[in-house]
Amino acid sequence: MQLTDKHHEYWSKNLKITSILLSIWFVATFVVGYFARELSFNFFGWPFSFYMAAQGSLVIYVVIIWYYARYMNALDVEYDVHEGEDD
């Protein structure tokens, strides 16, 4: 099967959003966690390091998954590769 320019454009957008979201994941998981003790300030009444370890990273992961699913559904519809609804 020969890939068209439309396929390359779709894949390019897919890789771009994936790399952006993976970068956010990396920062939330490793960078913020590594420097959390140095970022000593209160966040919603708790120390920031505790918040990021207990809740913050998990919230960020859920938002990343939600955004990726929403974005890819819209991209699939735009490029007419969506699975559609079963009627």
N, C-alpha and C. Protein backbone atom coordinates (compact mmCIF):
# COMPACT_ATOMS: atom_id res chain seq x y z
N MET A 1 0.83 -1.17 0.00
CA MET A 1 0.00 0.00 0.00
C MET A 1 0.88 1.24 0.00
N GLN A 2 0.65 2.11 -0.92
CA GLN A 2 1.40 3.35 -1.05
C GLN A 2 0.82 4.41 -0.11
N LEU A 3 1.68 5.02 0.68
CA LEU A 3 1.22 6.07 1.59
C LEU A 3 1.17 7.40 0.86
N THR A 4 0.07 8.10 1.05
CA THR A 4 -0.11 9.40 0.40
C THR A 4 0.39 10.50 1.33
N ASP A 5 0.38 11.71 0.80
CA ASP A 5 0.76 12.87 1.61
C ASP A 5 -0.17 13.03 2.81
N LYS A 6 -1.43 12.67 2.63
CA LYS A 6 -2.40 12.77 3.71
C LYS A 6 -2.04 11.82 4.85
N HIS A 7 -1.57 10.61 4.52
CA HIS A 7 -1.14 9.66 5.53
C HIS A 7 0.09 10.18 6.29
N HIS A 8 1.03 10.77 5.56
CA HIS A 8 2.23 11.31 6.19
C HIS A 8 1.89 12.48 7.10
N GLU A 9 0.96 13.32 6.67
CA GLU A 9 0.54 14.46 7.48
C GLU A 9 -0.15 13.99 8.77
N TYR A 10 -1.01 12.99 8.63
CA TYR A 10 -1.69 12.41 9.80
C TYR A 10 -0.67 11.83 10.77
N TRP A 11 0.27 11.06 10.27
CA TRP A 11 1.27 10.44 11.12
C TRP A 11 2.18 11.49 11.76
N SER A 12 2.49 12.54 11.03
CA SER A 12 3.31 13.62 11.56
C SER A 12 2.61 14.31 12.74
N LYS A 13 1.33 14.58 12.59
CA LYS A 13 0.58 15.19 13.69
C LYS A 13 0.49 14.25 14.88
N ASN A 14 0.32 12.96 14.62
CA ASN A 14 0.26 11.97 15.68
C ASN A 14 1.58 11.94 16.45
N LEU A 15 2.70 11.90 15.75
CA LEU A 15 4.01 11.88 16.41
C LEU A 15 4.28 13.16 17.18
N LYS A 16 3.82 14.29 16.64
CA LYS A 16 4.04 15.57 17.30
C LYS A 16 3.31 15.62 18.63
N ILE A 17 2.02 15.25 18.66
CA ILE A 17 1.27 15.31 19.92
C ILE A 17 1.80 14.26 20.89
N THR A 18 2.21 13.10 20.39
CA THR A 18 2.76 12.07 21.26
C THR A 18 4.05 12.55 21.92
N SER A 19 4.92 13.19 21.17
CA SER A 19 6.18 13.66 21.74
C SER A 19 5.95 14.79 22.74
N ILE A 20 4.98 15.66 22.48
CA ILE A 20 4.67 16.73 23.43
C ILE A 20 4.14 16.15 24.73
N LEU A 21 3.20 15.21 24.62
CA LEU A 21 2.61 14.63 25.82
C LEU A 21 3.62 13.77 26.58
N LEU A 22 4.51 13.08 25.87
CA LEU A 22 5.56 12.32 26.55
C LEU A 22 6.54 13.24 27.27
N SER A 23 6.79 14.41 26.70
CA SER A 23 7.65 15.39 27.36
C SER A 23 7.00 15.88 28.65
N ILE A 24 5.71 16.14 28.61
CA ILE A 24 4.99 16.55 29.81
C ILE A 24 5.03 15.44 30.85
N TRP A 25 4.81 14.20 30.41
CA TRP A 25 4.89 13.06 31.31
C TRP A 25 6.26 12.97 31.97
N PHE A 26 7.32 13.12 31.18
CA PHE A 26 8.68 13.04 31.70
C PHE A 26 8.93 14.12 32.75
N VAL A 27 8.51 15.34 32.45
CA VAL A 27 8.70 16.44 33.40
C VAL A 27 7.93 16.18 34.69
N ALA A 28 6.67 15.75 34.56
CA ALA A 28 5.84 15.49 35.75
C ALA A 28 6.37 14.32 36.57
N THR A 29 6.95 13.34 35.91
CA THR A 29 7.40 12.14 36.61
C THR A 29 8.79 12.30 37.20
N PHE A 30 9.73 12.76 36.42
CA PHE A 30 11.12 12.76 36.85
C PHE A 30 11.63 14.12 37.28
N VAL A 31 11.38 15.14 36.51
CA VAL A 31 11.96 16.46 36.80
C VAL A 31 11.33 17.06 38.05
N VAL A 32 10.01 17.13 38.09
CA VAL A 32 9.35 17.71 39.26
C VAL A 32 9.59 16.85 40.49
N GLY A 33 9.52 15.54 40.33
CA GLY A 33 9.80 14.66 41.46
C GLY A 33 11.20 14.79 41.99
N TYR A 34 12.15 14.99 41.11
CA TYR A 34 13.55 15.10 41.52
C TYR A 34 13.80 16.40 42.28
N PHE A 35 13.18 17.48 41.80
CA PHE A 35 13.39 18.79 42.41
C PHE A 35 12.30 19.19 43.40
N ALA A 36 11.43 18.28 43.76
CA ALA A 36 10.29 18.64 44.61
C ALA A 36 10.73 19.14 45.98
N ARG A 37 11.75 18.56 46.56
CA ARG A 37 12.19 19.01 47.88
C ARG A 37 12.72 20.44 47.84
N GLU A 38 13.37 20.79 46.75
CA GLU A 38 13.89 22.15 46.63
C GLU A 38 12.76 23.15 46.36
N LEU A 39 11.66 22.67 45.83
CA LEU A 39 10.50 23.53 45.59
C LEU A 39 9.62 23.52 46.85
N SER A 40 10.14 24.05 47.92
CA SER A 40 9.45 23.97 49.21
C SER A 40 8.49 25.15 49.36
N PHE A 41 7.25 24.92 48.99
CA PHE A 41 6.18 25.87 49.23
C PHE A 41 4.90 25.07 49.41
N ASN A 42 3.92 25.69 50.02
CA ASN A 42 2.66 25.00 50.27
C ASN A 42 1.75 25.08 49.05
N PHE A 43 1.12 23.97 48.75
CA PHE A 43 0.20 23.87 47.61
C PHE A 43 -1.08 23.24 48.13
N PHE A 44 -2.15 24.02 48.20
CA PHE A 44 -3.42 23.58 48.78
C PHE A 44 -3.24 23.08 50.22
N GLY A 45 -2.38 23.75 50.96
CA GLY A 45 -2.18 23.42 52.36
C GLY A 45 -1.20 22.30 52.64
N TRP A 46 -0.64 21.69 51.63
CA TRP A 46 0.32 20.60 51.79
C TRP A 46 1.65 21.01 51.17
N PRO A 47 2.74 20.43 51.65
CA PRO A 47 4.02 20.69 51.00
C PRO A 47 3.97 20.21 49.54
N PHE A 48 4.57 20.95 48.66
CA PHE A 48 4.52 20.65 47.23
C PHE A 48 5.09 19.27 46.93
N SER A 49 6.15 18.88 47.61
CA SER A 49 6.75 17.56 47.34
C SER A 49 5.76 16.45 47.68
N PHE A 50 5.04 16.58 48.78
CA PHE A 50 4.04 15.57 49.14
C PHE A 50 2.91 15.56 48.12
N TYR A 51 2.45 16.74 47.72
CA TYR A 51 1.35 16.82 46.76
C TYR A 51 1.73 16.14 45.43
N MET A 52 2.91 16.42 44.92
CA MET A 52 3.31 15.83 43.64
C MET A 52 3.48 14.33 43.76
N ALA A 53 3.98 13.85 44.87
CA ALA A 53 4.17 12.42 45.04
C ALA A 53 2.84 11.70 45.22
N ALA A 54 1.92 12.31 45.96
CA ALA A 54 0.68 11.62 46.30
C ALA A 54 -0.43 11.83 45.28
N GLN A 55 -0.56 13.03 44.74
CA GLN A 55 -1.71 13.32 43.91
C GLN A 55 -1.37 13.98 42.57
N GLY A 56 -0.46 14.91 42.58
CA GLY A 56 -0.22 15.74 41.41
C GLY A 56 0.14 14.98 40.15
N SER A 57 1.04 14.04 40.26
CA SER A 57 1.45 13.29 39.08
C SER A 57 0.30 12.46 38.53
N LEU A 58 -0.49 11.87 39.41
CA LEU A 58 -1.63 11.06 38.95
C LEU A 58 -2.65 11.90 38.20
N VAL A 59 -2.91 13.10 38.69
CA VAL A 59 -3.84 14.00 38.01
C VAL A 59 -3.31 14.37 36.63
N ILE A 60 -2.02 14.64 36.56
CA ILE A 60 -1.41 14.98 35.28
C ILE A 60 -1.51 13.81 34.30
N TYR A 61 -1.31 12.58 34.77
CA TYR A 61 -1.41 11.40 33.90
C TYR A 61 -2.82 11.25 33.34
N VAL A 62 -3.82 11.44 34.18
CA VAL A 62 -5.21 11.33 33.73
C VAL A 62 -5.53 12.41 32.70
N VAL A 63 -5.06 13.61 32.91
CA VAL A 63 -5.29 14.70 31.96
C VAL A 63 -4.59 14.40 30.63
N ILE A 64 -3.39 13.86 30.68
CA ILE A 64 -2.67 13.50 29.46
C ILE A 64 -3.46 12.45 28.67
N ILE A 65 -3.94 11.42 29.34
CA ILE A 65 -4.71 10.37 28.67
C ILE A 65 -5.99 10.93 28.08
N TRP A 66 -6.70 11.75 28.85
CA TRP A 66 -7.95 12.36 28.37
C TRP A 66 -7.69 13.22 27.13
N TYR A 67 -6.66 14.06 27.19
CA TYR A 67 -6.38 14.96 26.08
C TYR A 67 -5.96 14.17 24.83
N TYR A 68 -5.13 13.16 25.01
CA TYR A 68 -4.68 12.36 23.87
C TYR A 68 -5.86 11.67 23.18
N ALA A 69 -6.74 11.08 23.96
CA ALA A 69 -7.91 10.40 23.39
C ALA A 69 -8.80 11.40 22.64
N ARG A 70 -9.03 12.55 23.24
CA ARG A 70 -9.86 13.58 22.61
C ARG A 70 -9.22 14.10 21.31
N TYR A 71 -7.93 14.39 21.38
CA TYR A 71 -7.22 14.91 20.22
C TYR A 71 -7.19 13.89 19.08
N MET A 72 -6.90 12.63 19.41
CA MET A 72 -6.82 11.61 18.36
C MET A 72 -8.18 11.31 17.76
N ASN A 73 -9.24 11.35 18.54
CA ASN A 73 -10.58 11.18 17.96
C ASN A 73 -10.88 12.28 16.96
N ALA A 74 -10.55 13.51 17.32
CA ALA A 74 -10.78 14.63 16.39
C ALA A 74 -9.90 14.50 15.15
N LEU A 75 -8.66 14.06 15.33
CA LEU A 75 -7.75 13.88 14.20
C LEU A 75 -8.22 12.75 13.29
N ASP A 76 -8.72 11.68 13.88
CA ASP A 76 -9.26 10.57 13.08
C ASP A 76 -10.45 11.01 12.25
N VAL A 77 -11.32 11.82 12.82
CA VAL A 77 -12.47 12.33 12.07
C VAL A 77 -11.99 13.27 10.96
N GLU A 78 -11.03 14.12 11.25
CA GLU A 78 -10.51 15.06 10.27
C GLU A 78 -9.91 14.35 9.06
N TYR A 79 -9.21 13.26 9.29
CA TYR A 79 -8.56 12.53 8.20
C TYR A 79 -9.37 11.32 7.74
N ASP A 80 -10.57 11.22 8.24
CA ASP A 80 -11.53 10.18 7.82
C ASP A 80 -10.97 8.76 8.01
N VAL A 81 -10.36 8.55 9.18
CA VAL A 81 -9.88 7.22 9.53
C VAL A 81 -10.52 6.73 10.84
N HIS A 82 -11.59 7.40 11.25
CA HIS A 82 -12.25 7.01 12.49
C HIS A 82 -13.05 5.72 12.31
N GLU A 83 -13.28 5.08 13.42
CA GLU A 83 -13.98 3.80 13.39
C GLU A 83 -15.49 3.99 13.27
N GLY A 84 -16.00 5.10 13.70
CA GLY A 84 -17.42 5.36 13.60
C GLY A 84 -18.23 4.68 14.69
N GLU A 85 -19.50 4.93 14.66
CA GLU A 85 -20.42 4.37 15.65
C GLU A 85 -21.11 3.15 15.07
N ASP A 86 -21.34 2.16 15.92
CA ASP A 86 -22.12 0.99 15.49
C ASP A 86 -23.59 1.31 15.65
N ASP A 87 -24.31 1.28 14.57
CA ASP A 87 -25.76 1.58 14.63
C ASP A 87 -26.57 0.33 14.64
